[in-house]
């Protein structure tokens, strides 16, 4: 792992299999960014891929990070406390609002159509 100042929060370098994180990140943002970059690494994403593939890889890395960092029972408890207020839920769980939104989009209750 390497660190840098300014620019991107984090980056996966597939050719050297290295993750770079910006030095000045808030601990919560650092935690979530590292999980996202690990998603790239564990899914063997190519950091030199074309734009259409990079978009898909970014979504996959976001979903990976959300699933690793957000426990369904913790989410349910936080949602019972705060309702659908993503900022409050994120603060309670210790992740970013972005990851809460990603997680919620992929864990909606199944609806039974009569």
PDB file of N, CA and C in Angstrom:
ATOM      1  N   UNK A   1       0.851  -1.169   0.000  1.00  0.00           N
ATOM      2  CA  UNK A   1       0.000   0.000   0.000  1.00  0.00           C
ATOM      3  C   UNK A   1       0.899   1.234   0.000  1.00  0.00           C
ATOM      4  N   UNK A   2       0.453   2.241  -0.709  1.00  0.00           N
ATOM      5  CA  UNK A   2       1.190   3.502  -0.754  1.00  0.00           C
ATOM      6  C   UNK A   2       0.243   4.638  -0.388  1.00  0.00           C
ATOM      7  N   UNK A   3       0.805   5.796  -0.127  1.00  0.00           N
ATOM      8  CA  UNK A   3      -0.033   6.958   0.179  1.00  0.00           C
ATOM      9  C   UNK A   3       0.443   8.137  -0.658  1.00  0.00           C
ATOM     10  N   UNK A   4      -0.482   9.085  -0.843  1.00  0.00           N
ATOM     11  CA  UNK A   4      -0.173  10.260  -1.650  1.00  0.00           C
ATOM     12  C   UNK A   4      -0.898  11.472  -1.081  1.00  0.00           C
ATOM     13  N   UNK A   5      -0.518  12.648  -1.525  1.00  0.00           N
ATOM     14  CA  UNK A   5      -1.193  13.874  -1.107  1.00  0.00           C
ATOM     15  C   UNK A   5      -1.967  14.428  -2.295  1.00  0.00           C
ATOM     16  N   UNK A   6      -3.155  14.935  -2.019  1.00  0.00           N
ATOM     17  CA  UNK A   6      -3.994  15.531  -3.051  1.00  0.00           C
ATOM     18  C   UNK A   6      -4.526  14.514  -4.043  1.00  0.00           C
ATOM     19  N   UNK A   7      -5.498  14.945  -4.815  1.00  0.00           N
ATOM     20  CA  UNK A   7      -6.047  14.092  -5.864  1.00  0.00           C
ATOM     21  C   UNK A   7      -7.033  13.058  -5.362  1.00  0.00           C
ATOM     22  N   UNK A   8      -7.020  11.911  -6.014  1.00  0.00           N
ATOM     23  CA  UNK A   8      -7.983  10.848  -5.726  1.00  0.00           C
ATOM     24  C   UNK A   8      -7.893  10.371  -4.275  1.00  0.00           C
ATOM     25  N   UNK A   9      -9.052   9.950  -3.737  1.00  0.00           N
ATOM     26  CA  UNK A   9      -9.060   9.389  -2.378  1.00  0.00           C
ATOM     27  C   UNK A   9      -8.250   8.097  -2.344  1.00  0.00           C
ATOM     28  N   UNK A  10      -8.419   7.303  -3.372  1.00  0.00           N
ATOM     29  CA  UNK A  10      -7.714   6.035  -3.439  1.00  0.00           C
ATOM     30  C   UNK A  10      -7.616   5.553  -4.866  1.00  0.00           C
ATOM     31  N   UNK A  11      -6.731   4.583  -5.074  1.00  0.00           N
ATOM     32  CA  UNK A  11      -6.573   4.038  -6.420  1.00  0.00           C
ATOM     33  C   UNK A  11      -5.995   2.634  -6.328  1.00  0.00           C
ATOM     34  N   UNK A  12      -6.497   1.766  -7.203  1.00  0.00           N
ATOM     35  CA  UNK A  12      -5.981   0.414  -7.365  1.00  0.00           C
ATOM     36  C   UNK A  12      -5.082   0.411  -8.597  1.00  0.00           C
ATOM     37  N   UNK A  13      -3.854  -0.041  -8.429  1.00  0.00           N
ATOM     38  CA  UNK A  13      -2.905  -0.157  -9.538  1.00  0.00           C
ATOM     39  C   UNK A  13      -2.755  -1.643  -9.854  1.00  0.00           C
ATOM     40  N   UNK A  14      -3.473  -2.105 -10.873  1.00  0.00           N
ATOM     41  CA  UNK A  14      -3.504  -3.539 -11.164  1.00  0.00           C
ATOM     42  C   UNK A  14      -2.154  -4.080 -11.628  1.00  0.00           C
ATOM     43  N   UNK A  15      -1.366  -3.277 -12.320  1.00  0.00           N
ATOM     44  CA  UNK A  15      -0.084  -3.779 -12.826  1.00  0.00           C
ATOM     45  C   UNK A  15       0.898  -4.098 -11.701  1.00  0.00           C
ATOM     46  N   UNK A  16       0.851  -3.361 -10.594  1.00  0.00           N
ATOM     47  CA  UNK A  16       1.735  -3.630  -9.449  1.00  0.00           C
ATOM     48  C   UNK A  16       0.987  -4.235  -8.264  1.00  0.00           C
ATOM     49  N   UNK A  17      -0.333  -4.417  -8.419  1.00  0.00           N
ATOM     50  CA  UNK A  17      -1.209  -4.943  -7.364  1.00  0.00           C
ATOM     51  C   UNK A  17      -1.014  -4.151  -6.062  1.00  0.00           C
ATOM     52  N   UNK A  18      -1.094  -2.823  -6.210  1.00  0.00           N
ATOM     53  CA  UNK A  18      -0.885  -1.898  -5.099  1.00  0.00           C
ATOM     54  C   UNK A  18      -2.091  -0.985  -4.952  1.00  0.00           C
ATOM     55  N   UNK A  19      -2.423  -0.672  -3.714  1.00  0.00           N
ATOM     56  CA  UNK A  19      -3.473   0.298  -3.412  1.00  0.00           C
ATOM     57  C   UNK A  19      -2.799   1.565  -2.911  1.00  0.00           C
ATOM     58  N   UNK A  20      -3.252   2.695  -3.424  1.00  0.00           N
ATOM     59  CA  UNK A  20      -2.776   3.986  -2.946  1.00  0.00           C
ATOM     60  C   UNK A  20      -3.918   4.732  -2.280  1.00  0.00           C
ATOM     61  N   UNK A  21      -3.666   5.317  -1.115  1.00  0.00           N
ATOM     62  CA  UNK A  21      -4.670   6.109  -0.398  1.00  0.00           C
ATOM     63  C   UNK A  21      -4.117   7.498  -0.116  1.00  0.00           C
ATOM     64  N   UNK A  22      -4.986   8.499  -0.204  1.00  0.00           N
ATOM     65  CA  UNK A  22      -4.583   9.869   0.109  1.00  0.00           C
ATOM     66  C   UNK A  22      -4.316   9.979   1.611  1.00  0.00           C
ATOM     67  N   UNK A  23      -3.265  10.652   1.986  1.00  0.00           N
ATOM     68  CA  UNK A  23      -2.827  10.746   3.382  1.00  0.00           C
ATOM     69  C   UNK A  23      -3.808  11.460   4.299  1.00  0.00           C
ATOM     70  N   UNK A  24      -4.518  12.463   3.785  1.00  0.00           N
ATOM     71  CA  UNK A  24      -5.305  13.340   4.653  1.00  0.00           C
ATOM     72  C   UNK A  24      -6.767  12.916   4.820  1.00  0.00           C
ATOM     73  N   UNK A  25      -7.106  11.684   4.523  1.00  0.00           N
ATOM     74  CA  UNK A  25      -8.503  11.258   4.621  1.00  0.00           C
ATOM     75  C   UNK A  25      -8.954  11.122   6.072  1.00  0.00           C
ATOM     76  N   UNK A  26     -10.185  11.529   6.338  1.00  0.00           N
ATOM     77  CA  UNK A  26     -10.819  11.287   7.635  1.00  0.00           C
ATOM     78  C   UNK A  26     -10.845   9.771   7.850  1.00  0.00           C
ATOM     79  N   UNK A  27     -10.709   9.294   9.091  1.00  0.00           N
ATOM     80  CA  UNK A  27     -10.671   7.847   9.328  1.00  0.00           C
ATOM     81  C   UNK A  27     -11.833   7.062   8.696  1.00  0.00           C
ATOM     82  N   UNK A  28     -13.050   7.590   8.761  1.00  0.00           N
ATOM     83  CA  UNK A  28     -14.184   6.882   8.158  1.00  0.00           C
ATOM     84  C   UNK A  28     -14.026   6.802   6.647  1.00  0.00           C
ATOM     85  N   UNK A  29     -13.616   7.885   6.040  1.00  0.00           N
ATOM     86  CA  UNK A  29     -13.424   7.897   4.589  1.00  0.00           C
ATOM     87  C   UNK A  29     -12.262   6.989   4.185  1.00  0.00           C
ATOM     88  N   UNK A  30     -11.221   6.969   4.997  1.00  0.00           N
ATOM     89  CA  UNK A  30     -10.071   6.085   4.727  1.00  0.00           C
ATOM     90  C   UNK A  30     -10.500   4.621   4.784  1.00  0.00           C
ATOM     91  N   UNK A  31     -11.280   4.260   5.790  1.00  0.00           N
ATOM     92  CA  UNK A  31     -11.800   2.904   5.995  1.00  0.00           C
ATOM     93  C   UNK A  31     -12.644   2.473   4.799  1.00  0.00           C
ATOM     94  N   UNK A  32     -13.546   3.329   4.371  1.00  0.00           N
ATOM     95  CA  UNK A  32     -14.443   3.008   3.255  1.00  0.00           C
ATOM     96  C   UNK A  32     -13.695   2.979   1.927  1.00  0.00           C
ATOM     97  N   UNK A  33     -12.747   3.887   1.753  1.00  0.00           N
ATOM     98  CA  UNK A  33     -11.958   3.916   0.519  1.00  0.00           C
ATOM     99  C   UNK A  33     -11.087   2.674   0.415  1.00  0.00           C
ATOM    100  N   UNK A  34     -10.484   2.264   1.518  1.00  0.00           N
ATOM    101  CA  UNK A  34      -9.670   1.049   1.504  1.00  0.00           C
ATOM    102  C   UNK A  34     -10.526  -0.166   1.142  1.00  0.00           C
ATOM    103  N   UNK A  35     -11.723  -0.273   1.715  1.00  0.00           N
ATOM    104  CA  UNK A  35     -12.610  -1.395   1.384  1.00  0.00           C
ATOM    105  C   UNK A  35     -12.972  -1.378  -0.102  1.00  0.00           C
ATOM    106  N   UNK A  36     -13.229  -0.194  -0.644  1.00  0.00           N
ATOM    107  CA  UNK A  36     -13.545  -0.058  -2.070  1.00  0.00           C
ATOM    108  C   UNK A  36     -12.361  -0.527  -2.921  1.00  0.00           C
ATOM    109  N   UNK A  37     -11.167  -0.069  -2.590  1.00  0.00           N
ATOM    110  CA  UNK A  37      -9.984  -0.452  -3.370  1.00  0.00           C
ATOM    111  C   UNK A  37      -9.687  -1.943  -3.230  1.00  0.00           C
ATOM    112  N   UNK A  38      -9.935  -2.515  -2.057  1.00  0.00           N
ATOM    113  CA  UNK A  38      -9.794  -3.967  -1.895  1.00  0.00           C
ATOM    114  C   UNK A  38     -10.782  -4.707  -2.794  1.00  0.00           C
ATOM    115  N   UNK A  39     -11.955  -4.114  -2.996  1.00  0.00           N
ATOM    116  CA  UNK A  39     -12.922  -4.693  -3.927  1.00  0.00           C
ATOM    117  C   UNK A  39     -12.345  -4.792  -5.328  1.00  0.00           C
ATOM    118  N   UNK A  40     -11.628  -3.759  -5.748  1.00  0.00           N
ATOM    119  CA  UNK A  40     -10.958  -3.823  -7.052  1.00  0.00           C
ATOM    120  C   UNK A  40      -9.916  -4.948  -7.056  1.00  0.00           C
ATOM    121  N   UNK A  41      -9.109  -5.005  -6.010  1.00  0.00           N
ATOM    122  CA  UNK A  41      -8.032  -5.997  -5.948  1.00  0.00           C
ATOM    123  C   UNK A  41      -8.578  -7.423  -5.954  1.00  0.00           C
ATOM    124  N   UNK A  42      -9.551  -7.695  -5.106  1.00  0.00           N
ATOM    125  CA  UNK A  42     -10.069  -9.060  -4.981  1.00  0.00           C
ATOM    126  C   UNK A  42     -10.886  -9.502  -6.187  1.00  0.00           C
ATOM    127  N   UNK A  43     -11.385  -8.537  -6.958  1.00  0.00           N
ATOM    128  CA  UNK A  43     -12.109  -8.862  -8.191  1.00  0.00           C
ATOM    129  C   UNK A  43     -11.197  -8.805  -9.421  1.00  0.00           C
ATOM    130  N   UNK A  44      -9.889  -8.638  -9.188  1.00  0.00           N
ATOM    131  CA  UNK A  44      -8.903  -8.587 -10.274  1.00  0.00           C
ATOM    132  C   UNK A  44      -9.253  -7.567 -11.350  1.00  0.00           C
ATOM    133  N   UNK A  45      -9.691  -6.391 -10.915  1.00  0.00           N
ATOM    134  CA  UNK A  45     -10.029  -5.338 -11.869  1.00  0.00           C
ATOM    135  C   UNK A  45      -8.769  -4.786 -12.531  1.00  0.00           C
ATOM    136  N   UNK A  46      -8.920  -4.396 -13.781  1.00  0.00           N
ATOM    137  CA  UNK A  46      -7.823  -3.818 -14.555  1.00  0.00           C
ATOM    138  C   UNK A  46      -7.919  -2.298 -14.475  1.00  0.00           C
ATOM    139  N   UNK A  47      -6.952  -1.679 -13.823  1.00  0.00           N
ATOM    140  CA  UNK A  47      -6.994  -0.222 -13.650  1.00  0.00           C
ATOM    141  C   UNK A  47      -6.769   0.529 -14.959  1.00  0.00           C
ATOM    142  N   UNK A  48      -6.397  -0.167 -16.010  1.00  0.00           N
ATOM    143  CA  UNK A  48      -6.195   0.468 -17.309  1.00  0.00           C
ATOM    144  C   UNK A  48      -7.356   0.207 -18.262  1.00  0.00           C
ATOM    145  N   UNK A  49      -8.458  -0.312 -17.751  1.00  0.00           N
ATOM    146  CA  UNK A  49      -9.608  -0.673 -18.587  1.00  0.00           C
ATOM    147  C   UNK A  49     -10.248   0.555 -19.230  1.00  0.00           C
ATOM    148  N   UNK A  50     -10.986   0.306 -20.296  1.00  0.00           N
ATOM    149  CA  UNK A  50     -11.717   1.378 -20.976  1.00  0.00           C
ATOM    150  C   UNK A  50     -12.843   1.894 -20.087  1.00  0.00           C
ATOM    151  N   UNK A  51     -13.338   3.081 -20.407  1.00  0.00           N
ATOM    152  CA  UNK A  51     -14.318   3.777 -19.565  1.00  0.00           C
ATOM    153  C   UNK A  51     -15.552   2.933 -19.267  1.00  0.00           C
ATOM    154  N   UNK A  52     -16.121   2.258 -20.264  1.00  0.00           N
ATOM    155  CA  UNK A  52     -17.347   1.479 -20.028  1.00  0.00           C
ATOM    156  C   UNK A  52     -17.097   0.365 -19.019  1.00  0.00           C
ATOM    157  N   UNK A  53     -15.914  -0.232 -19.042  1.00  0.00           N
ATOM    158  CA  UNK A  53     -15.590  -1.300 -18.103  1.00  0.00           C
ATOM    159  C   UNK A  53     -15.233  -0.723 -16.736  1.00  0.00           C
ATOM    160  N   UNK A  54     -14.555   0.419 -16.720  1.00  0.00           N
ATOM    161  CA  UNK A  54     -14.224   1.068 -15.442  1.00  0.00           C
ATOM    162  C   UNK A  54     -15.484   1.395 -14.660  1.00  0.00           C
ATOM    163  N   UNK A  55     -16.527   1.865 -15.347  1.00  0.00           N
ATOM    164  CA  UNK A  55     -17.792   2.176 -14.668  1.00  0.00           C
ATOM    165  C   UNK A  55     -18.346   0.934 -13.978  1.00  0.00           C
ATOM    166  N   UNK A  56     -18.328  -0.191 -14.677  1.00  0.00           N
ATOM    167  CA  UNK A  56     -18.815  -1.438 -14.078  1.00  0.00           C
ATOM    168  C   UNK A  56     -17.930  -1.853 -12.901  1.00  0.00           C
ATOM    169  N   UNK A  57     -16.623  -1.707 -13.057  1.00  0.00           N
ATOM    170  CA  UNK A  57     -15.697  -2.056 -11.982  1.00  0.00           C
ATOM    171  C   UNK A  57     -15.914  -1.181 -10.751  1.00  0.00           C
ATOM    172  N   UNK A  58     -16.192   0.102 -10.966  1.00  0.00           N
ATOM    173  CA  UNK A  58     -16.460   1.001  -9.839  1.00  0.00           C
ATOM    174  C   UNK A  58     -17.702   0.554  -9.077  1.00  0.00           C
ATOM    175  N   UNK A  59     -18.761   0.203  -9.802  1.00  0.00           N
ATOM    176  CA  UNK A  59     -19.985  -0.285  -9.144  1.00  0.00           C
ATOM    177  C   UNK A  59     -19.702  -1.563  -8.359  1.00  0.00           C
ATOM    178  N   UNK A  60     -18.956  -2.484  -8.957  1.00  0.00           N
ATOM    179  CA  UNK A  60     -18.621  -3.736  -8.275  1.00  0.00           C
ATOM    180  C   UNK A  60     -17.807  -3.476  -7.008  1.00  0.00           C
ATOM    181  N   UNK A  61     -16.856  -2.556  -7.075  1.00  0.00           N
ATOM    182  CA  UNK A  61     -16.036  -2.234  -5.902  1.00  0.00           C
ATOM    183  C   UNK A  61     -16.877  -1.569  -4.816  1.00  0.00           C
ATOM    184  N   UNK A  62     -17.813  -0.709  -5.209  1.00  0.00           N
ATOM    185  CA  UNK A  62     -18.722  -0.087  -4.239  1.00  0.00           C
ATOM    186  C   UNK A  62     -19.585  -1.140  -3.546  1.00  0.00           C
ATOM    187  N   UNK A  63     -20.146  -2.055  -4.322  1.00  0.00           N
ATOM    188  CA  UNK A  63     -21.002  -3.102  -3.753  1.00  0.00           C
ATOM    189  C   UNK A  63     -20.189  -3.988  -2.816  1.00  0.00           C
ATOM    190  N   UNK A  64     -18.973  -4.335  -3.210  1.00  0.00           N
ATOM    191  CA  UNK A  64     -18.095  -5.125  -2.352  1.00  0.00           C
ATOM    192  C   UNK A  64     -17.879  -4.414  -1.022  1.00  0.00           C
ATOM    193  N   UNK A  65     -17.481  -3.141  -1.081  1.00  0.00           N
ATOM    194  CA  UNK A  65     -17.201  -2.377   0.141  1.00  0.00           C
ATOM    195  C   UNK A  65     -18.436  -2.292   1.029  1.00  0.00           C
ATOM    196  N   UNK A  66     -19.586  -2.009   0.436  1.00  0.00           N
ATOM    197  CA  UNK A  66     -20.822  -1.904   1.220  1.00  0.00           C
ATOM    198  C   UNK A  66     -21.146  -3.227   1.898  1.00  0.00           C
ATOM    199  N   UNK A  67     -21.011  -4.329   1.177  1.00  0.00           N
ATOM    200  CA  UNK A  67     -21.335  -5.637   1.751  1.00  0.00           C
ATOM    201  C   UNK A  67     -20.360  -6.059   2.839  1.00  0.00           C
ATOM    202  N   UNK A  68     -19.100  -5.664   2.712  1.00  0.00           N
ATOM    203  CA  UNK A  68     -18.102  -6.010   3.722  1.00  0.00           C
ATOM    204  C   UNK A  68     -18.270  -5.165   4.986  1.00  0.00           C
ATOM    205  N   UNK A  69     -18.574  -3.886   4.818  1.00  0.00           N
ATOM    206  CA  UNK A  69     -18.581  -2.968   5.959  1.00  0.00           C
ATOM    207  C   UNK A  69     -19.934  -2.796   6.645  1.00  0.00           C
ATOM    208  N   UNK A  70     -21.020  -3.167   5.979  1.00  0.00           N
ATOM    209  CA  UNK A  70     -22.345  -2.933   6.559  1.00  0.00           C
ATOM    210  C   UNK A  70     -22.990  -4.261   6.921  1.00  0.00           C
ATOM    211  N   UNK A  71     -23.198  -4.440   8.212  1.00  0.00           N
ATOM    212  CA  UNK A  71     -23.877  -5.632   8.714  1.00  0.00           C
ATOM    213  C   UNK A  71     -25.387  -5.406   8.626  1.00  0.00           C
ATOM    214  N   UNK A  72     -26.125  -6.335   8.029  1.00  0.00           N
ATOM    215  CA  UNK A  72     -27.574  -6.135   7.874  1.00  0.00           C
ATOM    216  C   UNK A  72     -28.306  -5.855   9.185  1.00  0.00           C
ATOM    217  N   UNK A  73     -27.914  -6.511  10.263  1.00  0.00           N
ATOM    218  CA  UNK A  73     -28.609  -6.270  11.535  1.00  0.00           C
ATOM    219  C   UNK A  73     -28.285  -4.880  12.088  1.00  0.00           C
ATOM    220  N   UNK A  74     -27.055  -4.409  11.887  1.00  0.00           N
ATOM    221  CA  UNK A  74     -26.706  -3.046  12.304  1.00  0.00           C
ATOM    222  C   UNK A  74     -27.481  -2.024  11.485  1.00  0.00           C
ATOM    223  N   UNK A  75     -27.600  -2.279  10.186  1.00  0.00           N
ATOM    224  CA  UNK A  75     -28.360  -1.370   9.324  1.00  0.00           C
ATOM    225  C   UNK A  75     -29.810  -1.317   9.783  1.00  0.00           C
ATOM    226  N   UNK A  76     -30.394  -2.477  10.035  1.00  0.00           N
ATOM    227  CA  UNK A  76     -31.800  -2.534  10.458  1.00  0.00           C
ATOM    228  C   UNK A  76     -31.997  -1.774  11.767  1.00  0.00           C
ATOM    229  N   UNK A  77     -31.104  -1.968  12.724  1.00  0.00           N
ATOM    230  CA  UNK A  77     -31.203  -1.258  14.004  1.00  0.00           C
ATOM    231  C   UNK A  77     -31.094   0.252  13.812  1.00  0.00           C
ATOM    232  N   UNK A  78     -30.143   0.672  12.987  1.00  0.00           N
ATOM    233  CA  UNK A  78     -29.969   2.109  12.738  1.00  0.00           C
ATOM    234  C   UNK A  78     -31.178   2.684  12.014  1.00  0.00           C
ATOM    235  N   UNK A  79     -31.738   1.931  11.076  1.00  0.00           N
ATOM    236  CA  UNK A  79     -32.906   2.415  10.345  1.00  0.00           C
ATOM    237  C   UNK A  79     -34.122   2.506  11.269  1.00  0.00           C
ATOM    238  N   UNK A  80     -34.231   1.596  12.229  1.00  0.00           N
ATOM    239  CA  UNK A  80     -35.322   1.683  13.208  1.00  0.00           C
ATOM    240  C   UNK A  80     -35.172   2.929  14.075  1.00  0.00           C
ATOM    241  N   UNK A  81     -33.939   3.282  14.406  1.00  0.00           N
ATOM    242  CA  UNK A  81     -33.685   4.475  15.219  1.00  0.00           C
ATOM    243  C   UNK A  81     -33.913   5.775  14.455  1.00  0.00           C
ATOM    244  N   UNK A  82     -33.444   5.822  13.208  1.00  0.00           N
ATOM    245  CA  UNK A  82     -33.398   7.082  12.466  1.00  0.00           C
ATOM    246  C   UNK A  82     -34.321   7.160  11.260  1.00  0.00           C
ATOM    247  N   UNK A  83     -35.009   6.084  10.947  1.00  0.00           N
ATOM    248  CA  UNK A  83     -35.819   6.086   9.733  1.00  0.00           C
ATOM    249  C   UNK A  83     -34.908   6.051   8.519  1.00  0.00           C
ATOM    250  N   UNK A  84     -35.400   6.473   7.375  1.00  0.00           N
ATOM    251  CA  UNK A  84     -34.591   6.395   6.154  1.00  0.00           C
ATOM    252  C   UNK A  84     -33.617   7.568   5.985  1.00  0.00           C
ATOM    253  N   UNK A  85     -33.053   8.027   7.074  1.00  0.00           N
ATOM    254  CA  UNK A  85     -32.101   9.152   7.031  1.00  0.00           C
ATOM    255  C   UNK A  85     -30.684   8.598   6.857  1.00  0.00           C
ATOM    256  N   UNK A  86     -30.239   8.584   5.603  1.00  0.00           N
ATOM    257  CA  UNK A  86     -28.961   7.951   5.280  1.00  0.00           C
ATOM    258  C   UNK A  86     -27.780   8.543   6.039  1.00  0.00           C
ATOM    259  N   UNK A  87     -27.773   9.844   6.243  1.00  0.00           N
ATOM    260  CA  UNK A  87     -26.671  10.467   6.970  1.00  0.00           C
ATOM    261  C   UNK A  87     -26.568   9.960   8.398  1.00  0.00           C
ATOM    262  N   UNK A  88     -27.698   9.868   9.070  1.00  0.00           N
ATOM    263  CA  UNK A  88     -27.714   9.379  10.451  1.00  0.00           C
ATOM    264  C   UNK A  88     -27.344   7.900  10.514  1.00  0.00           C
ATOM    265  N   UNK A  89     -27.842   7.125   9.564  1.00  0.00           N
ATOM    266  CA  UNK A  89     -27.515   5.693   9.522  1.00  0.00           C
ATOM    267  C   UNK A  89     -26.016   5.513   9.280  1.00  0.00           C
ATOM    268  N   UNK A  90     -25.466   6.265   8.342  1.00  0.00           N
ATOM    269  CA  UNK A  90     -24.033   6.176   8.042  1.00  0.00           C
ATOM    270  C   UNK A  90     -23.198   6.519   9.271  1.00  0.00           C
ATOM    271  N   UNK A  91     -23.574   7.580   9.968  1.00  0.00           N
ATOM    272  CA  UNK A  91     -22.849   7.982  11.174  1.00  0.00           C
ATOM    273  C   UNK A  91     -22.922   6.881  12.237  1.00  0.00           C
ATOM    274  N   UNK A  92     -24.092   6.323  12.429  1.00  0.00           N
ATOM    275  CA  UNK A  92     -24.290   5.261  13.425  1.00  0.00           C
ATOM    276  C   UNK A  92     -23.427   4.034  13.122  1.00  0.00           C
ATOM    277  N   UNK A  93     -23.355   3.657  11.851  1.00  0.00           N
ATOM    278  CA  UNK A  93     -22.620   2.455  11.458  1.00  0.00           C
ATOM    279  C   UNK A  93     -21.128   2.734  11.277  1.00  0.00           C
ATOM    280  N   UNK A  94     -20.774   3.978  10.964  1.00  0.00           N
ATOM    281  CA  UNK A  94     -19.365   4.333  10.789  1.00  0.00           C
ATOM    282  C   UNK A  94     -18.868   4.175   9.368  1.00  0.00           C
ATOM    283  N   UNK A  95     -19.761   4.432   8.408  1.00  0.00           N
ATOM    284  CA  UNK A  95     -19.392   4.377   6.992  1.00  0.00           C
ATOM    285  C   UNK A  95     -19.857   5.659   6.307  1.00  0.00           C
ATOM    286  N   UNK A  96     -19.567   5.789   5.031  1.00  0.00           N
ATOM    287  CA  UNK A  96     -19.989   6.972   4.285  1.00  0.00           C
ATOM    288  C   UNK A  96     -21.449   6.857   3.849  1.00  0.00           C
ATOM    289  N   UNK A  97     -22.059   7.988   3.596  1.00  0.00           N
ATOM    290  CA  UNK A  97     -23.426   8.016   3.074  1.00  0.00           C
ATOM    291  C   UNK A  97     -23.475   7.294   1.728  1.00  0.00           C
ATOM    292  N   UNK A  98     -22.448   7.466   0.930  1.00  0.00           N
ATOM    293  CA  UNK A  98     -22.406   6.797  -0.376  1.00  0.00           C
ATOM    294  C   UNK A  98     -22.550   5.280  -0.218  1.00  0.00           C
ATOM    295  N   UNK A  99     -21.810   4.686   0.718  1.00  0.00           N
ATOM    296  CA  UNK A  99     -21.909   3.235   0.894  1.00  0.00           C
ATOM    297  C   UNK A  99     -23.264   2.821   1.442  1.00  0.00           C
ATOM    298  N   UNK A 100     -23.871   3.653   2.272  1.00  0.00           N
ATOM    299  CA  UNK A 100     -25.227   3.354   2.753  1.00  0.00           C
ATOM    300  C   UNK A 100     -26.184   3.312   1.572  1.00  0.00           C
ATOM    301  N   UNK A 101     -26.080   4.279   0.676  1.00  0.00           N
ATOM    302  CA  UNK A 101     -26.959   4.311  -0.499  1.00  0.00           C
ATOM    303  C   UNK A 101     -26.724   3.100  -1.396  1.00  0.00           C
ATOM    304  N   UNK A 102     -25.473   2.728  -1.588  1.00  0.00           N
ATOM    305  CA  UNK A 102     -25.157   1.547  -2.405  1.00  0.00           C
ATOM    306  C   UNK A 102     -25.750   0.306  -1.760  1.00  0.00           C
ATOM    307  N   UNK A 103     -25.536   0.153  -0.460  1.00  0.00           N
ATOM    308  CA  UNK A 103     -26.038  -1.026   0.245  1.00  0.00           C
ATOM    309  C   UNK A 103     -27.562  -1.086   0.172  1.00  0.00           C
ATOM    310  N   UNK A 104     -28.222   0.026   0.449  1.00  0.00           N
ATOM    311  CA  UNK A 104     -29.691   0.063   0.436  1.00  0.00           C
ATOM    312  C   UNK A 104     -30.244  -0.267  -0.949  1.00  0.00           C
ATOM    313  N   UNK A 105     -29.578   0.190  -1.991  1.00  0.00           N
ATOM    314  CA  UNK A 105     -30.041  -0.078  -3.358  1.00  0.00           C
ATOM    315  C   UNK A 105     -29.963  -1.560  -3.708  1.00  0.00           C
ATOM    316  N   UNK A 106     -29.086  -2.290  -3.041  1.00  0.00           N
ATOM    317  CA  UNK A 106     -28.913  -3.712  -3.339  1.00  0.00           C
ATOM    318  C   UNK A 106     -29.515  -4.632  -2.286  1.00  0.00           C
ATOM    319  N   UNK A 107     -30.164  -4.063  -1.295  1.00  0.00           N
ATOM    320  CA  UNK A 107     -30.775  -4.871  -0.240  1.00  0.00           C
ATOM    321  C   UNK A 107     -32.199  -4.417   0.043  1.00  0.00           C
ATOM    322  N   UNK A 108     -32.948  -4.147  -0.996  1.00  0.00           N
ATOM    323  CA  UNK A 108     -34.337  -3.740  -0.801  1.00  0.00           C
ATOM    324  C   UNK A 108     -35.174  -4.966  -0.475  1.00  0.00           C
ATOM    325  N   UNK A 109     -36.181  -4.803   0.353  1.00  0.00           N
ATOM    326  CA  UNK A 109     -37.031  -5.949   0.691  1.00  0.00           C
ATOM    327  C   UNK A 109     -37.723  -6.497  -0.553  1.00  0.00           C
ATOM    328  N   UNK A 110     -37.891  -7.798  -0.580  1.00  0.00           N
ATOM    329  CA  UNK A 110     -38.615  -8.434  -1.684  1.00  0.00           C
ATOM    330  C   UNK A 110     -40.097  -8.123  -1.544  1.00  0.00           C
ATOM    331  N   UNK A 111     -40.682  -7.692  -2.622  1.00  0.00           N
ATOM    332  CA  UNK A 111     -42.112  -7.393  -2.617  1.00  0.00           C
ATOM    333  C   UNK A 111     -42.864  -8.553  -3.262  1.00  0.00           C
ATOM    334  N   UNK A 112     -43.933  -8.960  -2.617  1.00  0.00           N
ATOM    335  CA  UNK A 112     -44.767 -10.031  -3.156  1.00  0.00           C
ATOM    336  C   UNK A 112     -45.941  -9.388  -3.871  1.00  0.00           C
ATOM    337  N   UNK A 113     -46.068  -9.685  -5.138  1.00  0.00           N
ATOM    338  CA  UNK A 113     -47.160  -9.122  -5.934  1.00  0.00           C
ATOM    339  C   UNK A 113     -48.302 -10.127  -5.946  1.00  0.00           C
ATOM    340  N   UNK A 114     -49.494  -9.696  -5.474  1.00  0.00           N
ATOM    341  CA  UNK A 114     -50.628 -10.640  -5.430  1.00  0.00           C
ATOM    342  C   UNK A 114     -51.122 -10.996  -6.818  1.00  0.00           C
TER     343      UNK A 114
END
